[in-house]
């Protein structure tokens, strides 16, 4: 996180989701730089 705060549980959930979707996030990051439309990423189950 760059700034702000989340409750510990929410922060842990965000980290879990990001870990599960690391490759998708990296691909979207590369698309955002170009810029290209981003691919939707599923929420945490």
N, C-alpha and C. Protein backbone atom coordinates (compact mmCIF):
# COMPACT_ATOMS: atom_id res chain seq x y z
N UNK A 1 0.84 -1.18 0.00
CA UNK A 1 0.00 0.00 0.00
C UNK A 1 0.88 1.24 0.00
N UNK A 2 0.43 2.22 -0.70
CA UNK A 2 1.15 3.48 -0.75
C UNK A 2 0.73 4.38 0.40
N UNK A 3 -0.56 4.38 0.69
CA UNK A 3 -1.04 5.22 1.77
C UNK A 3 -2.37 4.71 2.28
N UNK A 4 -2.76 5.18 3.44
CA UNK A 4 -4.02 4.78 4.02
C UNK A 4 -3.89 3.54 4.89
N UNK A 5 -5.01 3.11 5.45
CA UNK A 5 -5.01 1.97 6.34
C UNK A 5 -6.20 1.09 6.04
N UNK A 6 -6.03 -0.19 6.28
CA UNK A 6 -7.11 -1.16 6.21
C UNK A 6 -7.11 -1.94 7.52
N UNK A 7 -8.28 -2.44 7.91
CA UNK A 7 -8.26 -3.36 9.05
C UNK A 7 -7.39 -4.57 8.72
N UNK A 8 -6.81 -5.20 9.74
CA UNK A 8 -5.88 -6.31 9.53
C UNK A 8 -6.49 -7.41 8.66
N UNK A 9 -7.74 -7.76 8.90
CA UNK A 9 -8.39 -8.83 8.13
C UNK A 9 -8.52 -8.43 6.66
N UNK A 10 -8.93 -7.21 6.39
CA UNK A 10 -9.07 -6.74 5.00
C UNK A 10 -7.70 -6.71 4.32
N UNK A 11 -6.69 -6.27 5.02
CA UNK A 11 -5.34 -6.23 4.46
C UNK A 11 -4.86 -7.63 4.10
N UNK A 12 -5.11 -8.59 4.97
CA UNK A 12 -4.72 -9.98 4.71
C UNK A 12 -5.47 -10.52 3.49
N UNK A 13 -6.73 -10.17 3.35
CA UNK A 13 -7.52 -10.64 2.20
C UNK A 13 -6.99 -10.06 0.90
N UNK A 14 -6.61 -8.79 0.92
CA UNK A 14 -6.05 -8.15 -0.28
C UNK A 14 -4.74 -8.83 -0.67
N UNK A 15 -3.90 -9.10 0.30
CA UNK A 15 -2.64 -9.78 0.01
C UNK A 15 -2.87 -11.19 -0.54
N UNK A 16 -3.83 -11.90 0.02
CA UNK A 16 -4.17 -13.24 -0.47
C UNK A 16 -4.64 -13.17 -1.92
N UNK A 17 -5.56 -12.23 -2.20
CA UNK A 17 -6.09 -12.08 -3.56
C UNK A 17 -4.97 -11.73 -4.53
N UNK A 18 -4.11 -10.79 -4.18
CA UNK A 18 -3.01 -10.39 -5.06
C UNK A 18 -2.05 -11.55 -5.31
N UNK A 19 -1.82 -12.36 -4.30
CA UNK A 19 -0.95 -13.52 -4.46
C UNK A 19 -1.56 -14.52 -5.44
N UNK A 20 -2.86 -14.74 -5.33
CA UNK A 20 -3.56 -15.68 -6.20
C UNK A 20 -3.62 -15.19 -7.65
N UNK A 21 -3.55 -13.89 -7.86
CA UNK A 21 -3.74 -13.32 -9.19
C UNK A 21 -2.51 -12.54 -9.67
N UNK A 22 -1.34 -12.94 -9.19
CA UNK A 22 -0.12 -12.20 -9.50
C UNK A 22 0.11 -12.06 -11.01
N UNK A 23 0.01 -13.16 -11.74
CA UNK A 23 0.26 -13.11 -13.19
C UNK A 23 -0.74 -12.21 -13.90
N UNK A 24 -2.01 -12.30 -13.52
CA UNK A 24 -3.04 -11.46 -14.13
C UNK A 24 -2.78 -9.98 -13.83
N UNK A 25 -2.37 -9.70 -12.60
CA UNK A 25 -2.06 -8.32 -12.23
C UNK A 25 -0.88 -7.77 -13.03
N UNK A 26 0.15 -8.59 -13.21
CA UNK A 26 1.31 -8.16 -14.00
C UNK A 26 0.93 -7.90 -15.45
N UNK A 27 0.10 -8.77 -16.03
CA UNK A 27 -0.35 -8.56 -17.41
C UNK A 27 -1.16 -7.28 -17.53
N UNK A 28 -2.04 -7.02 -16.56
CA UNK A 28 -2.82 -5.79 -16.60
C UNK A 28 -1.92 -4.56 -16.41
N UNK A 29 -0.88 -4.68 -15.60
CA UNK A 29 0.06 -3.57 -15.41
C UNK A 29 0.72 -3.22 -16.75
N UNK A 30 1.15 -4.26 -17.48
CA UNK A 30 1.77 -4.04 -18.79
C UNK A 30 0.78 -3.41 -19.77
N UNK A 31 -0.48 -3.84 -19.72
CA UNK A 31 -1.51 -3.25 -20.59
C UNK A 31 -1.75 -1.79 -20.23
N UNK A 32 -1.74 -1.48 -18.96
CA UNK A 32 -2.01 -0.11 -18.50
C UNK A 32 -0.94 0.85 -18.98
N UNK A 33 0.28 0.37 -19.09
CA UNK A 33 1.38 1.23 -19.52
C UNK A 33 1.22 1.63 -20.98
N UNK A 34 0.67 0.75 -21.82
CA UNK A 34 0.62 0.96 -23.27
C UNK A 34 -0.22 2.18 -23.67
N UNK A 35 -1.35 2.52 -23.37
CA UNK A 35 -2.42 1.87 -22.63
C UNK A 35 -3.30 1.00 -23.52
N UNK A 36 -3.77 -0.09 -22.96
CA UNK A 36 -4.73 -1.01 -23.56
C UNK A 36 -5.82 -1.27 -22.53
N UNK A 37 -6.98 -1.75 -23.00
CA UNK A 37 -8.03 -2.13 -22.03
C UNK A 37 -7.53 -3.24 -21.11
N UNK A 38 -7.90 -3.15 -19.85
CA UNK A 38 -7.48 -4.14 -18.88
C UNK A 38 -8.44 -5.33 -18.87
N UNK A 39 -7.92 -6.47 -18.46
CA UNK A 39 -8.71 -7.68 -18.33
C UNK A 39 -9.29 -7.73 -16.92
N UNK A 40 -10.56 -8.10 -16.82
CA UNK A 40 -11.19 -8.20 -15.50
C UNK A 40 -10.56 -9.37 -14.74
N UNK A 41 -10.35 -9.17 -13.45
CA UNK A 41 -9.79 -10.20 -12.59
C UNK A 41 -10.86 -10.57 -11.57
N UNK A 42 -11.05 -11.88 -11.38
CA UNK A 42 -12.09 -12.34 -10.47
C UNK A 42 -11.80 -11.92 -9.03
N UNK A 43 -12.87 -11.69 -8.27
CA UNK A 43 -12.67 -11.32 -6.87
C UNK A 43 -12.25 -12.53 -6.04
N UNK A 44 -11.87 -12.26 -4.80
CA UNK A 44 -11.48 -13.32 -3.86
C UNK A 44 -12.69 -14.16 -3.56
N UNK A 45 -12.53 -15.46 -3.61
CA UNK A 45 -13.66 -16.36 -3.31
C UNK A 45 -13.72 -16.69 -1.86
